[in-house]
Amino acid sequence: MTLPGPSLLGNLPIGLGMVRDPANTLVKLQHQYGDAFRFGSGPMAFTVLLGPDANRYILSENPDNFTWREALKALIIVDGDTALVVSDGPEHQRRRRLVQPAFATRAINGYVDVMVDETNRTIDRWSAGSEVDLYDDLRRTIRRIAIRTLFGDTLGNRAEEFGDSLAQALDYVNKPAQMMMQLPLPFTGYFGAVKGRKR
């Protein structure tokens, strides 16, 4: 089966769109080609499956049909070489079983108080009429929520320390793929990401 998608020349504006505005570019492609499509070519070829049926197919019903490491290798710099998100096969299954209890409905319901507490903590720091950097503030809030819910309050109190160490790595991962030079030179984002992860 061949998935629908743009012609070779049609990939050029899509490549620019993925750099400038990836979310809206994917929405436009979905409207044009449906929930399953392809774009790009060669080593920069992508297959996209969208929607609840695709999520269920990939994540629940047929996870062994897909390899995570190749698709998510950019995350190794942040999560490490043996992380669940970049492992496959039996190692992935073992790690998945270890973390699954943290994502059960009962556990997630227990996180609501932490979410409310951290959100209120962030909002309380804002004052009427002042300018805030929502991206930065909410990113820190989400990081504190994740650390407190997954590792408890002891490590949660060190969330800023962890966040500052990983900020360069996360910034690197959030760059478009073609800007992620994996050169260990002091002026590259890769160098900063490695340094931040080691801290």
N, C-alpha and C. Protein backbone atom coordinates (compact mmCIF):
# COMPACT_ATOMS: atom_id res chain seq x y z
N MET A 1 0.84 -1.18 0.00
CA MET A 1 0.00 0.00 0.00
C MET A 1 0.89 1.25 0.00
N THR A 2 0.58 2.17 -0.87
CA THR A 2 1.31 3.43 -0.93
C THR A 2 0.45 4.53 -0.31
N LEU A 3 1.01 5.23 0.63
CA LEU A 3 0.27 6.32 1.28
C LEU A 3 0.27 7.56 0.39
N PRO A 4 -0.80 8.35 0.47
CA PRO A 4 -0.83 9.60 -0.30
C PRO A 4 0.16 10.60 0.27
N GLY A 5 0.55 11.54 -0.56
CA GLY A 5 1.46 12.58 -0.12
C GLY A 5 1.87 13.46 -1.29
N PRO A 6 2.61 14.48 -1.03
CA PRO A 6 3.00 15.42 -2.07
C PRO A 6 4.03 14.83 -3.04
N SER A 7 4.14 15.45 -4.20
CA SER A 7 5.16 15.07 -5.17
C SER A 7 6.53 15.49 -4.64
N LEU A 8 7.56 15.07 -5.34
CA LEU A 8 8.92 15.43 -4.94
C LEU A 8 9.08 16.94 -4.84
N LEU A 9 8.59 17.67 -5.84
CA LEU A 9 8.67 19.13 -5.80
C LEU A 9 7.74 19.71 -4.74
N GLY A 10 6.63 19.05 -4.50
CA GLY A 10 5.69 19.51 -3.48
C GLY A 10 6.25 19.44 -2.08
N ASN A 11 7.32 18.66 -1.91
CA ASN A 11 7.96 18.54 -0.60
C ASN A 11 8.72 19.80 -0.19
N LEU A 12 9.14 20.60 -1.16
CA LEU A 12 9.93 21.79 -0.84
C LEU A 12 9.18 22.76 0.07
N PRO A 13 7.96 23.20 -0.30
CA PRO A 13 7.26 24.11 0.62
C PRO A 13 6.88 23.44 1.94
N ILE A 14 6.68 22.14 1.91
CA ILE A 14 6.35 21.43 3.15
C ILE A 14 7.56 21.44 4.09
N GLY A 15 8.75 21.25 3.53
CA GLY A 15 9.96 21.31 4.35
C GLY A 15 10.11 22.66 5.03
N LEU A 16 9.85 23.73 4.29
CA LEU A 16 9.89 25.07 4.88
C LEU A 16 8.81 25.23 5.94
N GLY A 17 7.62 24.70 5.64
CA GLY A 17 6.53 24.79 6.61
C GLY A 17 6.84 24.05 7.89
N MET A 18 7.53 22.91 7.79
CA MET A 18 7.87 22.14 8.99
C MET A 18 8.90 22.87 9.84
N VAL A 19 9.72 23.70 9.22
CA VAL A 19 10.69 24.50 9.98
C VAL A 19 10.00 25.69 10.63
N ARG A 20 9.14 26.37 9.88
CA ARG A 20 8.52 27.61 10.36
C ARG A 20 7.30 27.38 11.25
N ASP A 21 6.46 26.43 10.88
CA ASP A 21 5.19 26.23 11.59
C ASP A 21 4.75 24.77 11.45
N PRO A 22 5.43 23.85 12.17
CA PRO A 22 5.15 22.43 11.97
C PRO A 22 3.72 22.02 12.28
N ALA A 23 3.12 22.56 13.32
CA ALA A 23 1.76 22.15 13.70
C ALA A 23 0.76 22.46 12.58
N ASN A 24 0.77 23.69 12.10
CA ASN A 24 -0.17 24.06 11.04
C ASN A 24 0.14 23.35 9.72
N THR A 25 1.41 23.08 9.46
CA THR A 25 1.77 22.35 8.25
C THR A 25 1.18 20.94 8.31
N LEU A 26 1.27 20.28 9.46
CA LEU A 26 0.70 18.94 9.60
C LEU A 26 -0.82 18.97 9.47
N VAL A 27 -1.45 20.00 10.02
CA VAL A 27 -2.92 20.12 9.90
C VAL A 27 -3.31 20.27 8.43
N LYS A 28 -2.58 21.10 7.69
CA LYS A 28 -2.87 21.27 6.26
C LYS A 28 -2.70 19.96 5.50
N LEU A 29 -1.63 19.23 5.81
CA LEU A 29 -1.40 17.94 5.15
C LEU A 29 -2.52 16.95 5.49
N GLN A 30 -2.97 16.97 6.74
CA GLN A 30 -4.06 16.08 7.15
C GLN A 30 -5.34 16.41 6.38
N HIS A 31 -5.65 17.70 6.23
CA HIS A 31 -6.84 18.09 5.48
C HIS A 31 -6.73 17.66 4.01
N GLN A 32 -5.54 17.73 3.47
CA GLN A 32 -5.34 17.40 2.07
C GLN A 32 -5.29 15.89 1.82
N TYR A 33 -4.63 15.13 2.72
CA TYR A 33 -4.38 13.72 2.45
C TYR A 33 -5.07 12.74 3.41
N GLY A 34 -5.67 13.23 4.49
CA GLY A 34 -6.31 12.35 5.44
C GLY A 34 -5.42 12.06 6.64
N ASP A 35 -5.80 11.05 7.43
CA ASP A 35 -5.10 10.75 8.68
C ASP A 35 -3.80 9.97 8.50
N ALA A 36 -3.57 9.43 7.31
CA ALA A 36 -2.33 8.68 7.04
C ALA A 36 -1.72 9.22 5.75
N PHE A 37 -0.49 9.73 5.84
CA PHE A 37 0.17 10.28 4.66
C PHE A 37 1.67 10.24 4.84
N ARG A 38 2.38 10.57 3.77
CA ARG A 38 3.83 10.60 3.80
C ARG A 38 4.30 11.90 3.17
N PHE A 39 5.50 12.33 3.55
CA PHE A 39 6.13 13.47 2.89
C PHE A 39 7.64 13.36 3.06
N GLY A 40 8.37 14.14 2.28
CA GLY A 40 9.83 14.07 2.31
C GLY A 40 10.34 12.97 1.42
N SER A 41 11.67 12.79 1.42
CA SER A 41 12.26 11.72 0.63
C SER A 41 13.62 11.34 1.21
N GLY A 42 14.09 10.17 0.81
CA GLY A 42 15.39 9.70 1.27
C GLY A 42 15.46 9.59 2.78
N PRO A 43 16.57 10.04 3.39
CA PRO A 43 16.71 9.94 4.84
C PRO A 43 15.78 10.91 5.59
N MET A 44 15.18 11.83 4.87
CA MET A 44 14.24 12.77 5.50
C MET A 44 12.81 12.45 5.07
N ALA A 45 12.49 11.16 4.91
CA ALA A 45 11.13 10.73 4.56
C ALA A 45 10.36 10.46 5.84
N PHE A 46 9.13 10.92 5.89
CA PHE A 46 8.31 10.77 7.08
C PHE A 46 6.98 10.13 6.73
N THR A 47 6.50 9.24 7.59
CA THR A 47 5.16 8.68 7.51
C THR A 47 4.41 9.20 8.72
N VAL A 48 3.22 9.75 8.49
CA VAL A 48 2.45 10.35 9.57
C VAL A 48 1.11 9.63 9.69
N LEU A 49 0.79 9.19 10.91
CA LEU A 49 -0.50 8.58 11.23
C LEU A 49 -1.11 9.41 12.34
N LEU A 50 -2.31 9.95 12.12
CA LEU A 50 -2.94 10.85 13.09
C LEU A 50 -4.29 10.33 13.55
N GLY A 51 -4.68 10.71 14.75
CA GLY A 51 -6.00 10.39 15.26
C GLY A 51 -5.99 9.24 16.26
N PRO A 52 -7.12 9.05 16.94
CA PRO A 52 -7.20 8.02 17.99
C PRO A 52 -7.00 6.61 17.47
N ASP A 53 -7.50 6.31 16.26
CA ASP A 53 -7.31 4.97 15.71
C ASP A 53 -5.83 4.68 15.47
N ALA A 54 -5.12 5.66 14.95
CA ALA A 54 -3.69 5.49 14.70
C ALA A 54 -2.93 5.34 16.02
N ASN A 55 -3.28 6.15 17.01
CA ASN A 55 -2.63 6.05 18.32
C ASN A 55 -2.82 4.66 18.92
N ARG A 56 -4.05 4.17 18.84
CA ARG A 56 -4.35 2.84 19.38
C ARG A 56 -3.57 1.77 18.61
N TYR A 57 -3.56 1.89 17.29
CA TYR A 57 -2.86 0.92 16.45
C TYR A 57 -1.37 0.86 16.78
N ILE A 58 -0.75 2.02 16.93
CA ILE A 58 0.70 2.07 17.16
C ILE A 58 1.06 1.78 18.61
N LEU A 59 0.36 2.41 19.55
CA LEU A 59 0.76 2.34 20.96
C LEU A 59 0.19 1.15 21.72
N SER A 60 -0.98 0.65 21.31
CA SER A 60 -1.61 -0.42 22.09
C SER A 60 -1.68 -1.75 21.37
N GLU A 61 -2.19 -1.73 20.15
CA GLU A 61 -2.49 -2.98 19.47
C GLU A 61 -1.28 -3.61 18.77
N ASN A 62 -0.38 -2.81 18.26
CA ASN A 62 0.74 -3.34 17.47
C ASN A 62 2.08 -2.69 17.79
N PRO A 63 2.41 -2.50 19.05
CA PRO A 63 3.65 -1.77 19.35
C PRO A 63 4.91 -2.46 18.83
N ASP A 64 4.86 -3.79 18.67
CA ASP A 64 6.05 -4.50 18.21
C ASP A 64 6.31 -4.31 16.72
N ASN A 65 5.35 -3.73 16.00
CA ASN A 65 5.54 -3.46 14.57
C ASN A 65 6.38 -2.21 14.33
N PHE A 66 6.67 -1.47 15.38
CA PHE A 66 7.36 -0.19 15.23
C PHE A 66 8.60 -0.15 16.12
N THR A 67 9.63 0.52 15.63
CA THR A 67 10.82 0.72 16.44
C THR A 67 10.85 2.16 16.91
N TRP A 68 11.14 2.34 18.17
CA TRP A 68 11.11 3.67 18.77
C TRP A 68 12.47 4.36 18.66
N ARG A 69 13.52 3.59 18.80
CA ARG A 69 14.86 4.18 18.86
C ARG A 69 15.17 5.03 17.62
N GLU A 70 14.92 4.48 16.44
CA GLU A 70 15.24 5.21 15.21
C GLU A 70 14.39 6.47 15.09
N ALA A 71 13.11 6.37 15.41
CA ALA A 71 12.22 7.52 15.27
C ALA A 71 12.50 8.61 16.30
N LEU A 72 12.94 8.22 17.49
CA LEU A 72 13.09 9.18 18.57
C LEU A 72 14.54 9.34 19.04
N LYS A 73 15.49 9.00 18.18
CA LYS A 73 16.90 9.03 18.60
C LYS A 73 17.37 10.42 19.02
N ALA A 74 16.71 11.47 18.54
CA ALA A 74 17.09 12.83 18.96
C ALA A 74 16.91 13.01 20.47
N LEU A 75 16.04 12.20 21.09
CA LEU A 75 15.78 12.33 22.53
C LEU A 75 16.86 11.68 23.39
N ILE A 76 17.75 10.91 22.80
CA ILE A 76 18.80 10.24 23.58
C ILE A 76 19.62 11.27 24.36
N ILE A 77 19.86 12.41 23.77
CA ILE A 77 20.66 13.45 24.42
C ILE A 77 20.01 13.93 25.72
N VAL A 78 18.69 13.87 25.79
CA VAL A 78 17.96 14.31 26.98
C VAL A 78 17.70 13.15 27.93
N ASP A 79 17.20 12.04 27.39
CA ASP A 79 16.73 10.94 28.22
C ASP A 79 17.77 9.87 28.50
N GLY A 80 18.84 9.85 27.74
CA GLY A 80 19.86 8.83 27.91
C GLY A 80 19.66 7.67 26.96
N ASP A 81 20.70 6.89 26.80
CA ASP A 81 20.75 5.82 25.82
C ASP A 81 19.83 4.64 26.16
N THR A 82 19.48 4.49 27.43
CA THR A 82 18.68 3.33 27.84
C THR A 82 17.26 3.70 28.26
N ALA A 83 16.81 4.89 27.93
CA ALA A 83 15.48 5.35 28.34
C ALA A 83 14.37 4.55 27.64
N LEU A 84 13.24 4.45 28.29
CA LEU A 84 12.08 3.75 27.74
C LEU A 84 11.73 4.25 26.35
N VAL A 85 11.71 5.54 26.16
CA VAL A 85 11.25 6.13 24.91
C VAL A 85 12.17 5.82 23.73
N VAL A 86 13.42 5.42 23.98
CA VAL A 86 14.34 5.10 22.89
C VAL A 86 14.77 3.64 22.90
N SER A 87 14.03 2.79 23.61
CA SER A 87 14.38 1.37 23.64
C SER A 87 13.34 0.58 22.84
N ASP A 88 13.74 -0.60 22.40
CA ASP A 88 12.86 -1.47 21.62
C ASP A 88 12.89 -2.88 22.19
N GLY A 89 11.96 -3.70 21.73
CA GLY A 89 11.94 -5.12 22.08
C GLY A 89 11.77 -5.40 23.55
N PRO A 90 12.42 -6.47 24.05
CA PRO A 90 12.26 -6.88 25.44
C PRO A 90 12.66 -5.79 26.45
N GLU A 91 13.69 -5.02 26.13
CA GLU A 91 14.10 -3.95 27.05
C GLU A 91 13.01 -2.89 27.17
N HIS A 92 12.39 -2.55 26.07
CA HIS A 92 11.29 -1.58 26.09
C HIS A 92 10.13 -2.13 26.93
N GLN A 93 9.80 -3.40 26.70
CA GLN A 93 8.69 -4.02 27.43
C GLN A 93 8.97 -4.02 28.94
N ARG A 94 10.21 -4.36 29.32
CA ARG A 94 10.58 -4.39 30.75
C ARG A 94 10.46 -3.00 31.36
N ARG A 95 11.00 -2.00 30.70
CA ARG A 95 10.93 -0.63 31.22
C ARG A 95 9.49 -0.12 31.26
N ARG A 96 8.72 -0.48 30.25
CA ARG A 96 7.32 -0.05 30.21
C ARG A 96 6.55 -0.61 31.40
N ARG A 97 6.75 -1.88 31.72
CA ARG A 97 6.08 -2.49 32.87
C ARG A 97 6.45 -1.78 34.17
N LEU A 98 7.70 -1.34 34.27
CA LEU A 98 8.15 -0.65 35.49
C LEU A 98 7.44 0.68 35.71
N VAL A 99 7.18 1.42 34.64
CA VAL A 99 6.58 2.75 34.80
C VAL A 99 5.07 2.76 34.66
N GLN A 100 4.48 1.68 34.16
CA GLN A 100 3.03 1.67 33.94
C GLN A 100 2.20 2.03 35.17
N PRO A 101 2.55 1.57 36.37
CA PRO A 101 1.72 1.94 37.53
C PRO A 101 1.60 3.46 37.73
N ALA A 102 2.62 4.21 37.35
CA ALA A 102 2.58 5.67 37.51
C ALA A 102 1.57 6.32 36.57
N PHE A 103 1.13 5.58 35.55
CA PHE A 103 0.20 6.15 34.58
C PHE A 103 -1.18 5.50 34.62
N ALA A 104 -1.44 4.71 35.66
CA ALA A 104 -2.78 4.14 35.85
C ALA A 104 -3.74 5.26 36.24
N THR A 105 -5.02 5.07 35.97
CA THR A 105 -6.02 6.10 36.24
C THR A 105 -5.98 6.57 37.68
N ARG A 106 -5.89 5.65 38.63
CA ARG A 106 -5.87 6.03 40.04
C ARG A 106 -4.66 6.91 40.36
N ALA A 107 -3.51 6.55 39.81
CA ALA A 107 -2.30 7.34 40.05
C ALA A 107 -2.44 8.73 39.45
N ILE A 108 -2.93 8.80 38.23
CA ILE A 108 -3.10 10.10 37.56
C ILE A 108 -4.08 10.97 38.32
N ASN A 109 -5.17 10.39 38.81
CA ASN A 109 -6.12 11.17 39.60
C ASN A 109 -5.46 11.74 40.85
N GLY A 110 -4.49 11.02 41.39
CA GLY A 110 -3.77 11.51 42.56
C GLY A 110 -2.83 12.66 42.26
N TYR A 111 -2.54 12.90 40.99
CA TYR A 111 -1.64 13.99 40.60
C TYR A 111 -2.35 15.33 40.52
N VAL A 112 -3.66 15.32 40.54
CA VAL A 112 -4.43 16.57 40.36
C VAL A 112 -4.05 17.61 41.41
N ASP A 113 -3.93 17.18 42.67
CA ASP A 113 -3.57 18.14 43.73
C ASP A 113 -2.21 18.79 43.46
N VAL A 114 -1.25 18.00 42.99
CA VAL A 114 0.07 18.55 42.66
C VAL A 114 -0.04 19.53 41.50
N MET A 115 -0.84 19.18 40.50
CA MET A 115 -1.02 20.07 39.34
C MET A 115 -1.63 21.40 39.76
N VAL A 116 -2.66 21.33 40.60
CA VAL A 116 -3.31 22.55 41.08
C VAL A 116 -2.33 23.36 41.93
N ASP A 117 -1.62 22.70 42.83
CA ASP A 117 -0.67 23.37 43.70
C ASP A 117 0.41 24.11 42.89
N GLU A 118 1.00 23.43 41.93
CA GLU A 118 2.07 24.05 41.13
C GLU A 118 1.53 25.15 40.22
N THR A 119 0.33 24.96 39.69
CA THR A 119 -0.27 26.01 38.84
C THR A 119 -0.55 27.25 39.67
N ASN A 120 -1.11 27.07 40.86
CA ASN A 120 -1.36 28.21 41.75
C ASN A 120 -0.06 28.89 42.15
N ARG A 121 0.97 28.10 42.41
CA ARG A 121 2.28 28.66 42.77
C ARG A 121 2.79 29.58 41.66
N THR A 122 2.62 29.16 40.43
CA THR A 122 3.06 29.97 39.29
C THR A 122 2.22 31.24 39.17
N ILE A 123 0.91 31.09 39.23
CA ILE A 123 0.01 32.25 39.07
C ILE A 123 0.22 33.25 40.20
N ASP A 124 0.46 32.76 41.41
CA ASP A 124 0.68 33.66 42.56
C ASP A 124 1.91 34.54 42.38
N ARG A 125 2.85 34.11 41.57
CA ARG A 125 4.05 34.93 41.34
C ARG A 125 3.79 36.08 40.36
N TRP A 126 2.70 35.99 39.63
CA TRP A 126 2.38 37.03 38.66
C TRP A 126 1.69 38.19 39.37
N SER A 127 1.97 39.40 38.95
CA SER A 127 1.28 40.55 39.53
C SER A 127 0.53 41.29 38.42
N ALA A 128 -0.58 41.88 38.79
CA ALA A 128 -1.43 42.59 37.83
C ALA A 128 -0.62 43.65 37.09
N GLY A 129 -0.78 43.67 35.78
CA GLY A 129 -0.11 44.68 34.97
C GLY A 129 1.32 44.34 34.58
N SER A 130 1.86 43.27 35.14
CA SER A 130 3.25 42.92 34.80
C SER A 130 3.27 42.01 33.56
N GLU A 131 4.40 41.99 32.90
CA GLU A 131 4.57 41.15 31.72
C GLU A 131 5.23 39.85 32.16
N VAL A 132 4.70 38.73 31.67
CA VAL A 132 5.28 37.43 32.02
C VAL A 132 5.62 36.66 30.75
N ASP A 133 6.60 35.80 30.86
CA ASP A 133 6.97 34.91 29.76
C ASP A 133 6.22 33.60 30.00
N LEU A 134 5.04 33.47 29.39
CA LEU A 134 4.19 32.29 29.61
C LEU A 134 4.92 31.00 29.26
N TYR A 135 5.62 31.00 28.16
CA TYR A 135 6.32 29.78 27.74
C TYR A 135 7.29 29.33 28.83
N ASP A 136 8.12 30.23 29.29
CA ASP A 136 9.11 29.88 30.30
C ASP A 136 8.45 29.50 31.63
N ASP A 137 7.48 30.30 32.08
CA ASP A 137 6.82 30.02 33.36
C ASP A 137 6.08 28.68 33.33
N LEU A 138 5.33 28.43 32.26
CA LEU A 138 4.56 27.19 32.20
C LEU A 138 5.45 25.98 31.96
N ARG A 139 6.54 26.17 31.26
CA ARG A 139 7.50 25.08 31.07
C ARG A 139 8.07 24.67 32.43
N ARG A 140 8.42 25.64 33.26
CA ARG A 140 8.93 25.34 34.60
C ARG A 140 7.85 24.68 35.46
N THR A 141 6.61 25.15 35.33
CA THR A 141 5.50 24.57 36.08
C THR A 141 5.31 23.10 35.71
N ILE A 142 5.30 22.82 34.43
CA ILE A 142 5.12 21.44 33.96
C ILE A 142 6.27 20.57 34.44
N ARG A 143 7.47 21.10 34.41
CA ARG A 143 8.64 20.34 34.87
C ARG A 143 8.50 20.01 36.36
N ARG A 144 8.08 20.98 37.17
CA ARG A 144 7.89 20.73 38.61
C ARG A 144 6.81 19.68 38.84
N ILE A 145 5.72 19.77 38.07
CA ILE A 145 4.64 18.78 38.20
C ILE A 145 5.17 17.39 37.86
N ALA A 146 5.88 17.28 36.76
CA ALA A 146 6.40 15.96 36.34
C ALA A 146 7.34 15.38 37.39
N ILE A 147 8.25 16.19 37.89
CA ILE A 147 9.22 15.67 38.86
C ILE A 147 8.54 15.31 40.17
N ARG A 148 7.63 16.15 40.65
CA ARG A 148 6.95 15.84 41.92
C ARG A 148 6.08 14.60 41.79
N THR A 149 5.34 14.47 40.69
CA THR A 149 4.43 13.33 40.56
C THR A 149 5.18 12.02 40.32
N LEU A 150 6.28 12.08 39.62
CA LEU A 150 7.02 10.85 39.32
C LEU A 150 8.04 10.48 40.39
N PHE A 151 8.62 11.49 41.07
CA PHE A 151 9.72 11.21 41.99
C PHE A 151 9.48 11.68 43.42
N GLY A 152 8.36 12.35 43.68
CA GLY A 152 8.05 12.79 45.03
C GLY A 152 8.54 14.20 45.33
N ASP A 153 8.15 14.68 46.51
CA ASP A 153 8.44 16.07 46.88
C ASP A 153 9.92 16.33 47.14
N THR A 154 10.65 15.32 47.60
CA THR A 154 12.08 15.54 47.88
C THR A 154 12.81 15.97 46.62
N LEU A 155 12.64 15.22 45.55
CA LEU A 155 13.26 15.62 44.28
C LEU A 155 12.49 16.78 43.66
N GLY A 156 11.20 16.86 43.93
CA GLY A 156 10.40 17.97 43.41
C GLY A 156 10.93 19.32 43.85
N ASN A 157 11.48 19.38 45.05
CA ASN A 157 12.07 20.62 45.55
C ASN A 157 13.33 21.01 44.78
N ARG A 158 13.88 20.07 44.03
CA ARG A 158 15.08 20.34 43.22
C ARG A 158 14.75 20.46 41.74
N ALA A 159 13.47 20.65 41.43
CA ALA A 159 13.03 20.69 40.03
C ALA A 159 13.74 21.76 39.22
N GLU A 160 13.95 22.93 39.83
CA GLU A 160 14.62 24.02 39.10
C GLU A 160 16.05 23.62 38.75
N GLU A 161 16.71 22.97 39.69
CA GLU A 161 18.09 22.52 39.45
C GLU A 161 18.14 21.53 38.29
N PHE A 162 17.23 20.54 38.31
CA PHE A 162 17.16 19.59 37.21
C PHE A 162 16.82 20.29 35.90
N GLY A 163 15.87 21.19 35.98
CA GLY A 163 15.42 21.91 34.79
C GLY A 163 16.52 22.72 34.15
N ASP A 164 17.28 23.42 34.97
CA ASP A 164 18.38 24.23 34.43
C ASP A 164 19.43 23.34 33.76
N SER A 165 19.66 22.17 34.34
CA SER A 165 20.65 21.25 33.75
C SER A 165 20.17 20.70 32.41
N LEU A 166 18.88 20.46 32.30
CA LEU A 166 18.35 19.87 31.07
C LEU A 166 17.87 20.89 30.05
N ALA A 167 17.83 22.17 30.42
CA ALA A 167 17.28 23.19 29.52
C ALA A 167 17.99 23.20 28.17
N GLN A 168 19.32 23.14 28.17
CA GLN A 168 20.04 23.17 26.90
C GLN A 168 19.72 21.94 26.05
N ALA A 169 19.61 20.79 26.70
CA ALA A 169 19.28 19.57 25.96
C ALA A 169 17.88 19.66 25.37
N LEU A 170 16.92 20.15 26.16
CA LEU A 170 15.55 20.29 25.67
C LEU A 170 15.47 21.31 24.55
N ASP A 171 16.18 22.42 24.67
CA ASP A 171 16.20 23.42 23.60
C ASP A 171 16.76 22.82 22.32
N TYR A 172 17.80 22.02 22.45
CA TYR A 172 18.41 21.37 21.29
C TYR A 172 17.41 20.44 20.61
N VAL A 173 16.71 19.61 21.39
CA VAL A 173 15.76 18.65 20.85
C VAL A 173 14.58 19.36 20.17
N ASN A 174 14.21 20.53 20.64
CA ASN A 174 13.08 21.26 20.06
C ASN A 174 13.43 22.00 18.78
N LYS A 175 14.68 21.94 18.34
CA LYS A 175 15.06 22.58 17.08
C LYS A 175 14.66 21.69 15.91
N PRO A 176 14.43 22.29 14.74
CA PRO A 176 14.16 21.46 13.56
C PRO A 176 15.32 20.49 13.31
N ALA A 177 14.99 19.33 12.78
CA ALA A 177 15.97 18.26 12.60
C ALA A 177 17.23 18.71 11.86
N GLN A 178 17.07 19.53 10.84
CA GLN A 178 18.24 19.91 10.05
C GLN A 178 19.16 20.86 10.80
N MET A 179 18.71 21.42 11.93
CA MET A 179 19.55 22.33 12.70
C MET A 179 20.25 21.61 13.85
N MET A 180 20.00 20.31 14.00
CA MET A 180 20.59 19.55 15.09
C MET A 180 21.92 18.93 14.67
N MET A 181 22.93 19.72 14.56
CA MET A 181 24.25 19.19 14.23
C MET A 181 24.80 18.46 15.45
N GLN A 182 25.16 17.20 15.27
CA GLN A 182 25.71 16.44 16.39
C GLN A 182 27.23 16.52 16.38
N LEU A 183 27.71 17.73 16.52
CA LEU A 183 29.15 17.97 16.57
C LEU A 183 29.52 18.41 17.99
N PRO A 184 30.48 17.74 18.61
CA PRO A 184 30.85 18.09 19.98
C PRO A 184 31.77 19.32 20.04
N LEU A 185 31.37 20.38 19.37
CA LEU A 185 32.16 21.61 19.37
C LEU A 185 31.48 22.64 20.26
N PRO A 186 32.25 23.45 20.99
CA PRO A 186 31.68 24.38 21.98
C PRO A 186 30.60 25.32 21.47
N PHE A 187 30.57 25.64 20.19
CA PHE A 187 29.58 26.60 19.69
C PHE A 187 28.29 25.93 19.21
N THR A 188 28.18 24.60 19.31
CA THR A 188 26.97 23.92 18.82
C THR A 188 25.99 23.64 19.96
N GLY A 189 24.72 23.54 19.59
CA GLY A 189 23.69 23.17 20.56
C GLY A 189 23.92 21.78 21.12
N TYR A 190 24.47 20.89 20.30
CA TYR A 190 24.74 19.53 20.75
C TYR A 190 25.73 19.52 21.92
N PHE A 191 26.77 20.32 21.82
CA PHE A 191 27.76 20.42 22.90
C PHE A 191 27.09 20.87 24.19
N GLY A 192 26.27 21.91 24.11
CA GLY A 192 25.56 22.41 25.29
C GLY A 192 24.61 21.39 25.86
N ALA A 193 23.94 20.63 24.97
CA ALA A 193 23.00 19.60 25.42
C ALA A 193 23.73 18.50 26.18
N VAL A 194 24.86 18.06 25.66
CA VAL A 194 25.64 17.02 26.34
C VAL A 194 26.12 17.52 27.70
N LYS A 195 26.61 18.75 27.72
CA LYS A 195 27.11 19.34 28.97
C LYS A 195 25.98 19.44 30.01
N GLY A 196 24.81 19.90 29.58
CA GLY A 196 23.67 20.03 30.49
C GLY A 196 23.22 18.69 31.04
N ARG A 197 23.21 17.65 30.21
CA ARG A 197 22.78 16.34 30.66
C ARG A 197 23.75 15.74 31.67
N LYS A 198 25.04 16.02 31.50
CA LYS A 198 26.05 15.47 32.43
C LYS A 198 25.96 16.09 33.81
N ARG A 199 25.41 17.34 33.89
CA ARG A 199 25.32 18.00 35.20
C ARG A 199 24.37 17.29 36.05
